[in-house]
Amino acid sequence: METSNEVNEISTLRIVFIEALSRQFIAITGCGIYVHLSPVTVNELFNRYLNSSVSINTFARQCVRNVLT
């Protein structure tokens, strides 16, 4: 069972992830993430990020490249 502190940490990390992903999309395309991705897809990407070993910014750049290609 997750503690309140663990839930808060994950919630905070999710916000940081979404902000980083949005910044990458804005920098490359001029539009935020929800122009390109659904909220469900953003959540799936966050879950993939949690299982990865790369930084948030690296993961976000990879996501933008994958969506735009």
PDB file of N, CA and C in Angstrom:
ATOM      1  N   MET A   1       0.836  -1.175   0.000  1.00  0.00           N
ATOM      2  CA  MET A   1       0.000   0.000   0.000  1.00  0.00           C
ATOM      3  C   MET A   1       0.883   1.242   0.000  1.00  0.00           C
ATOM      4  N   GLU A   2       0.536   2.199  -0.866  1.00  0.00           N
ATOM      5  CA  GLU A   2       1.315   3.425  -0.962  1.00  0.00           C
ATOM      6  C   GLU A   2       0.971   4.370   0.187  1.00  0.00           C
ATOM      7  N   THR A   3       1.986   5.023   0.663  1.00  0.00           N
ATOM      8  CA  THR A   3       1.751   6.015   1.700  1.00  0.00           C
ATOM      9  C   THR A   3       1.375   7.337   1.054  1.00  0.00           C
ATOM     10  N   SER A   4       0.865   8.229   1.855  1.00  0.00           N
ATOM     11  CA  SER A   4       0.500   9.560   1.375  1.00  0.00           C
ATOM     12  C   SER A   4       1.704  10.272   0.781  1.00  0.00           C
ATOM     13  N   ASN A   5       2.860  10.090   1.383  1.00  0.00           N
ATOM     14  CA  ASN A   5       4.077  10.725   0.899  1.00  0.00           C
ATOM     15  C   ASN A   5       4.461  10.197  -0.482  1.00  0.00           C
ATOM     16  N   GLU A   6       4.340   8.890  -0.697  1.00  0.00           N
ATOM     17  CA  GLU A   6       4.651   8.297  -2.000  1.00  0.00           C
ATOM     18  C   GLU A   6       3.702   8.809  -3.071  1.00  0.00           C
ATOM     19  N   VAL A   7       2.436   8.931  -2.746  1.00  0.00           N
ATOM     20  CA  VAL A   7       1.443   9.441  -3.696  1.00  0.00           C
ATOM     21  C   VAL A   7       1.776  10.884  -4.054  1.00  0.00           C
ATOM     22  N   ASN A   8       2.143  11.686  -3.060  1.00  0.00           N
ATOM     23  CA  ASN A   8       2.512  13.075  -3.320  1.00  0.00           C
ATOM     24  C   ASN A   8       3.741  13.172  -4.211  1.00  0.00           C
ATOM     25  N   GLU A   9       4.728  12.308  -3.980  1.00  0.00           N
ATOM     26  CA  GLU A   9       5.937  12.315  -4.806  1.00  0.00           C
ATOM     27  C   GLU A   9       5.614  11.963  -6.257  1.00  0.00           C
ATOM     28  N   ILE A  10       4.782  10.967  -6.459  1.00  0.00           N
ATOM     29  CA  ILE A  10       4.406  10.579  -7.820  1.00  0.00           C
ATOM     30  C   ILE A  10       3.599  11.685  -8.486  1.00  0.00           C
ATOM     31  N   SER A  11       2.688  12.297  -7.747  1.00  0.00           N
ATOM     32  CA  SER A  11       1.893  13.404  -8.296  1.00  0.00           C
ATOM     33  C   SER A  11       2.785  14.571  -8.702  1.00  0.00           C
ATOM     34  N   THR A  12       3.748  14.896  -7.855  1.00  0.00           N
ATOM     35  CA  THR A  12       4.683  15.979  -8.167  1.00  0.00           C
ATOM     36  C   THR A  12       5.521  15.630  -9.381  1.00  0.00           C
ATOM     37  N   LEU A  13       6.010  14.410  -9.453  1.00  0.00           N
ATOM     38  CA  LEU A  13       6.807  13.970 -10.593  1.00  0.00           C
ATOM     39  C   LEU A  13       5.986  14.000 -11.879  1.00  0.00           C
ATOM     40  N   ARG A  14       4.712  13.628 -11.796  1.00  0.00           N
ATOM     41  CA  ARG A  14       3.830  13.667 -12.974  1.00  0.00           C
ATOM     42  C   ARG A  14       3.702  15.102 -13.487  1.00  0.00           C
ATOM     43  N   ILE A  15       3.539  16.058 -12.586  1.00  0.00           N
ATOM     44  CA  ILE A  15       3.424  17.464 -12.981  1.00  0.00           C
ATOM     45  C   ILE A  15       4.714  17.933 -13.649  1.00  0.00           C
ATOM     46  N   VAL A  16       5.847  17.600 -13.059  1.00  0.00           N
ATOM     47  CA  VAL A  16       7.145  17.979 -13.637  1.00  0.00           C
ATOM     48  C   VAL A  16       7.303  17.353 -15.020  1.00  0.00           C
ATOM     49  N   PHE A  17       6.905  16.091 -15.163  1.00  0.00           N
ATOM     50  CA  PHE A  17       6.989  15.396 -16.446  1.00  0.00           C
ATOM     51  C   PHE A  17       6.140  16.090 -17.505  1.00  0.00           C
ATOM     52  N   ILE A  18       4.898  16.402 -17.167  1.00  0.00           N
ATOM     53  CA  ILE A  18       3.989  17.049 -18.125  1.00  0.00           C
ATOM     54  C   ILE A  18       4.518  18.426 -18.518  1.00  0.00           C
ATOM     55  N   GLU A  19       5.041  19.172 -17.569  1.00  0.00           N
ATOM     56  CA  GLU A  19       5.612  20.486 -17.882  1.00  0.00           C
ATOM     57  C   GLU A  19       6.816  20.359 -18.814  1.00  0.00           C
ATOM     58  N   ALA A  20       7.685  19.397 -18.545  1.00  0.00           N
ATOM     59  CA  ALA A  20       8.862  19.192 -19.397  1.00  0.00           C
ATOM     60  C   ALA A  20       8.445  18.764 -20.798  1.00  0.00           C
ATOM     61  N   LEU A  21       7.498  17.869 -20.887  1.00  0.00           N
ATOM     62  CA  LEU A  21       7.018  17.411 -22.187  1.00  0.00           C
ATOM     63  C   LEU A  21       6.369  18.558 -22.951  1.00  0.00           C
ATOM     64  N   SER A  22       5.571  19.346 -22.259  1.00  0.00           N
ATOM     65  CA  SER A  22       4.922  20.485 -22.904  1.00  0.00           C
ATOM     66  C   SER A  22       5.948  21.503 -23.385  1.00  0.00           C
ATOM     67  N   ARG A  23       6.960  21.789 -22.574  1.00  0.00           N
ATOM     68  CA  ARG A  23       8.014  22.729 -22.986  1.00  0.00           C
ATOM     69  C   ARG A  23       8.711  22.247 -24.252  1.00  0.00           C
ATOM     70  N   GLN A  24       8.968  20.940 -24.331  1.00  0.00           N
ATOM     71  CA  GLN A  24       9.621  20.391 -25.528  1.00  0.00           C
ATOM     72  C   GLN A  24       8.734  20.557 -26.757  1.00  0.00           C
ATOM     73  N   PHE A  25       7.454  20.246 -26.615  1.00  0.00           N
ATOM     74  CA  PHE A  25       6.539  20.403 -27.752  1.00  0.00           C
ATOM     75  C   PHE A  25       6.430  21.863 -28.166  1.00  0.00           C
ATOM     76  N   ILE A  26       6.342  22.768 -27.203  1.00  0.00           N
ATOM     77  CA  ILE A  26       6.247  24.191 -27.531  1.00  0.00           C
ATOM     78  C   ILE A  26       7.520  24.663 -28.227  1.00  0.00           C
ATOM     79  N   ALA A  27       8.671  24.238 -27.745  1.00  0.00           N
ATOM     80  CA  ALA A  27       9.940  24.648 -28.344  1.00  0.00           C
ATOM     81  C   ALA A  27      10.068  24.180 -29.790  1.00  0.00           C
ATOM     82  N   ILE A  28       9.598  22.984 -30.072  1.00  0.00           N
ATOM     83  CA  ILE A  28       9.767  22.400 -31.405  1.00  0.00           C
ATOM     84  C   ILE A  28       8.623  22.781 -32.353  1.00  0.00           C
ATOM     85  N   THR A  29       7.387  22.760 -31.851  1.00  0.00           N
ATOM     86  CA  THR A  29       6.229  22.939 -32.731  1.00  0.00           C
ATOM     87  C   THR A  29       5.476  24.247 -32.520  1.00  0.00           C
ATOM     88  N   GLY A  30       5.701  24.900 -31.387  1.00  0.00           N
ATOM     89  CA  GLY A  30       4.943  26.108 -31.076  1.00  0.00           C
ATOM     90  C   GLY A  30       3.627  25.821 -30.385  1.00  0.00           C
ATOM     91  N   CYS A  31       3.309  24.548 -30.184  1.00  0.00           N
ATOM     92  CA  CYS A  31       2.058  24.141 -29.533  1.00  0.00           C
ATOM     93  C   CYS A  31       2.363  23.180 -28.388  1.00  0.00           C
ATOM     94  N   GLY A  32       1.503  23.177 -27.379  1.00  0.00           N
ATOM     95  CA  GLY A  32       1.676  22.291 -26.234  1.00  0.00           C
ATOM     96  C   GLY A  32       1.340  20.842 -26.550  1.00  0.00           C
ATOM     97  N   ILE A  33       1.484  19.984 -25.553  1.00  0.00           N
ATOM     98  CA  ILE A  33       1.339  18.544 -25.768  1.00  0.00           C
ATOM     99  C   ILE A  33      -0.070  18.120 -26.136  1.00  0.00           C
ATOM    100  N   TYR A  34      -1.075  18.813 -25.615  1.00  0.00           N
ATOM    101  CA  TYR A  34      -2.436  18.344 -25.835  1.00  0.00           C
ATOM    102  C   TYR A  34      -2.960  18.651 -27.234  1.00  0.00           C
ATOM    103  N   VAL A  35      -2.184  19.378 -28.023  1.00  0.00           N
ATOM    104  CA  VAL A  35      -2.493  19.532 -29.442  1.00  0.00           C
ATOM    105  C   VAL A  35      -2.117  18.245 -30.176  1.00  0.00           C
ATOM    106  N   HIS A  36      -1.072  17.594 -29.693  1.00  0.00           N
ATOM    107  CA  HIS A  36      -0.519  16.416 -30.363  1.00  0.00           C
ATOM    108  C   HIS A  36      -0.902  15.088 -29.719  1.00  0.00           C
ATOM    109  N   LEU A  37      -1.156  15.100 -28.412  1.00  0.00           N
ATOM    110  CA  LEU A  37      -1.391  13.862 -27.673  1.00  0.00           C
ATOM    111  C   LEU A  37      -2.638  13.973 -26.811  1.00  0.00           C
ATOM    112  N   SER A  38      -3.309  12.850 -26.632  1.00  0.00           N
ATOM    113  CA  SER A  38      -4.465  12.815 -25.731  1.00  0.00           C
ATOM    114  C   SER A  38      -3.973  12.702 -24.288  1.00  0.00           C
ATOM    115  N   PRO A  39      -4.801  13.066 -23.328  1.00  0.00           N
ATOM    116  CA  PRO A  39      -4.414  12.886 -21.925  1.00  0.00           C
ATOM    117  C   PRO A  39      -4.074  11.429 -21.582  1.00  0.00           C
ATOM    118  N   VAL A  40      -4.765  10.488 -22.195  1.00  0.00           N
ATOM    119  CA  VAL A  40      -4.484   9.068 -21.955  1.00  0.00           C
ATOM    120  C   VAL A  40      -3.078   8.724 -22.445  1.00  0.00           C
ATOM    121  N   THR A  41      -2.709   9.234 -23.603  1.00  0.00           N
ATOM    122  CA  THR A  41      -1.378   8.977 -24.144  1.00  0.00           C
ATOM    123  C   THR A  41      -0.299   9.604 -23.268  1.00  0.00           C
ATOM    124  N   VAL A  42      -0.554  10.816 -22.770  1.00  0.00           N
ATOM    125  CA  VAL A  42       0.404  11.475 -21.880  1.00  0.00           C
ATOM    126  C   VAL A  42       0.605  10.630 -20.623  1.00  0.00           C
ATOM    127  N   ASN A  43      -0.478  10.087 -20.084  1.00  0.00           N
ATOM    128  CA  ASN A  43      -0.370   9.228 -18.903  1.00  0.00           C
ATOM    129  C   ASN A  43       0.421   7.959 -19.214  1.00  0.00           C
ATOM    130  N   GLU A  44       0.200   7.375 -20.395  1.00  0.00           N
ATOM    131  CA  GLU A  44       0.956   6.188 -20.793  1.00  0.00           C
ATOM    132  C   GLU A  44       2.447   6.511 -20.916  1.00  0.00           C
ATOM    133  N   LEU A  45       2.752   7.685 -21.468  1.00  0.00           N
ATOM    134  CA  LEU A  45       4.150   8.100 -21.584  1.00  0.00           C
ATOM    135  C   LEU A  45       4.776   8.298 -20.205  1.00  0.00           C
ATOM    136  N   PHE A  46       4.009   8.869 -19.276  1.00  0.00           N
ATOM    137  CA  PHE A  46       4.519   9.043 -17.916  1.00  0.00           C
ATOM    138  C   PHE A  46       4.847   7.682 -17.300  1.00  0.00           C
ATOM    139  N   ASN A  47       3.966   6.728 -17.471  1.00  0.00           N
ATOM    140  CA  ASN A  47       4.221   5.387 -16.925  1.00  0.00           C
ATOM    141  C   ASN A  47       5.455   4.760 -17.572  1.00  0.00           C
ATOM    142  N   ARG A  48       5.646   4.978 -18.870  1.00  0.00           N
ATOM    143  CA  ARG A  48       6.852   4.480 -19.534  1.00  0.00           C
ATOM    144  C   ARG A  48       8.092   5.172 -18.983  1.00  0.00           C
ATOM    145  N   TYR A  49       7.970   6.482 -18.752  1.00  0.00           N
ATOM    146  CA  TYR A  49       9.095   7.225 -18.184  1.00  0.00           C
ATOM    147  C   TYR A  49       9.502   6.641 -16.824  1.00  0.00           C
ATOM    148  N   LEU A  50       8.515   6.315 -15.992  1.00  0.00           N
ATOM    149  CA  LEU A  50       8.811   5.761 -14.676  1.00  0.00           C
ATOM    150  C   LEU A  50       9.636   4.486 -14.769  1.00  0.00           C
ATOM    151  N   ASN A  51       9.447   3.737 -15.844  1.00  0.00           N
ATOM    152  CA  ASN A  51      10.179   2.478 -16.028  1.00  0.00           C
ATOM    153  C   ASN A  51      11.471   2.644 -16.819  1.00  0.00           C
ATOM    154  N   SER A  52      11.779   3.877 -17.202  1.00  0.00           N
ATOM    155  CA  SER A  52      12.996   4.114 -17.978  1.00  0.00           C
ATOM    156  C   SER A  52      14.122   4.561 -17.057  1.00  0.00           C
ATOM    157  N   SER A  53      15.289   4.662 -17.620  1.00  0.00           N
ATOM    158  CA  SER A  53      16.447   5.082 -16.828  1.00  0.00           C
ATOM    159  C   SER A  53      17.018   6.410 -17.320  1.00  0.00           C
ATOM    160  N   VAL A  54      16.271   7.132 -18.139  1.00  0.00           N
ATOM    161  CA  VAL A  54      16.755   8.408 -18.678  1.00  0.00           C
ATOM    162  C   VAL A  54      16.125   9.575 -17.922  1.00  0.00           C
ATOM    163  N   SER A  55      16.688  10.753 -18.096  1.00  0.00           N
ATOM    164  CA  SER A  55      16.154  11.940 -17.438  1.00  0.00           C
ATOM    165  C   SER A  55      14.822  12.347 -18.077  1.00  0.00           C
ATOM    166  N   ILE A  56      14.082  13.168 -17.367  1.00  0.00           N
ATOM    167  CA  ILE A  56      12.793  13.640 -17.891  1.00  0.00           C
ATOM    168  C   ILE A  56      13.006  14.384 -19.208  1.00  0.00           C
ATOM    169  N   ASN A  57      14.000  15.256 -19.268  1.00  0.00           N
ATOM    170  CA  ASN A  57      14.222  16.043 -20.483  1.00  0.00           C
ATOM    171  C   ASN A  57      14.615  15.174 -21.670  1.00  0.00           C
ATOM    172  N   THR A  58      15.440  14.184 -21.446  1.00  0.00           N
ATOM    173  CA  THR A  58      15.825  13.262 -22.518  1.00  0.00           C
ATOM    174  C   THR A  58      14.606  12.484 -23.002  1.00  0.00           C
ATOM    175  N   PHE A  59      13.820  11.984 -22.068  1.00  0.00           N
ATOM    176  CA  PHE A  59      12.618  11.236 -22.434  1.00  0.00           C
ATOM    177  C   PHE A  59      11.658  12.132 -23.211  1.00  0.00           C
ATOM    178  N   ALA A  60      11.491  13.374 -22.769  1.00  0.00           N
ATOM    179  CA  ALA A  60      10.587  14.309 -23.443  1.00  0.00           C
ATOM    180  C   ALA A  60      11.051  14.580 -24.872  1.00  0.00           C
ATOM    181  N   ARG A  61      12.352  14.794 -25.065  1.00  0.00           N
ATOM    182  CA  ARG A  61      12.867  15.020 -26.425  1.00  0.00           C
ATOM    183  C   ARG A  61      12.610  13.812 -27.318  1.00  0.00           C
ATOM    184  N   GLN A  62      12.814  12.608 -26.779  1.00  0.00           N
ATOM    185  CA  GLN A  62      12.543  11.397 -27.551  1.00  0.00           C
ATOM    186  C   GLN A  62      11.074  11.310 -27.936  1.00  0.00           C
ATOM    187  N   CYS A  63      10.197  11.671 -27.020  1.00  0.00           N
ATOM    188  CA  CYS A  63       8.753  11.628 -27.288  1.00  0.00           C
ATOM    189  C   CYS A  63       8.389  12.574 -28.435  1.00  0.00           C
ATOM    190  N   VAL A  64       8.914  13.784 -28.386  1.00  0.00           N
ATOM    191  CA  VAL A  64       8.613  14.773 -29.445  1.00  0.00           C
ATOM    192  C   VAL A  64       9.098  14.237 -30.779  1.00  0.00           C
ATOM    193  N   ARG A  65      10.321  13.723 -30.805  1.00  0.00           N
ATOM    194  CA  ARG A  65      10.846  13.173 -32.070  1.00  0.00           C
ATOM    195  C   ARG A  65       9.960  12.043 -32.582  1.00  0.00           C
ATOM    196  N   ASN A  66       9.523  11.156 -31.698  1.00  0.00           N
ATOM    197  CA  ASN A  66       8.699  10.019 -32.117  1.00  0.00           C
ATOM    198  C   ASN A  66       7.344  10.467 -32.642  1.00  0.00           C
ATOM    199  N   VAL A  67       6.754  11.473 -32.035  1.00  0.00           N
ATOM    200  CA  VAL A  67       5.442  11.945 -32.462  1.00  0.00           C
ATOM    201  C   VAL A  67       5.539  12.648 -33.802  1.00  0.00           C
ATOM    202  N   LEU A  68       6.603  13.394 -34.019  1.00  0.00           N
ATOM    203  CA  LEU A  68       6.730  14.188 -35.243  1.00  0.00           C
ATOM    204  C   LEU A  68       7.249  13.411 -36.442  1.00  0.00           C
ATOM    205  N   THR A  69       7.722  12.189 -36.215  1.00  0.00           N
ATOM    206  CA  THR A  69       8.242  11.421 -37.366  1.00  0.00           C
ATOM    207  C   THR A  69       7.214  10.459 -37.878  1.00  0.00           C
TER     208      THR A  69
END
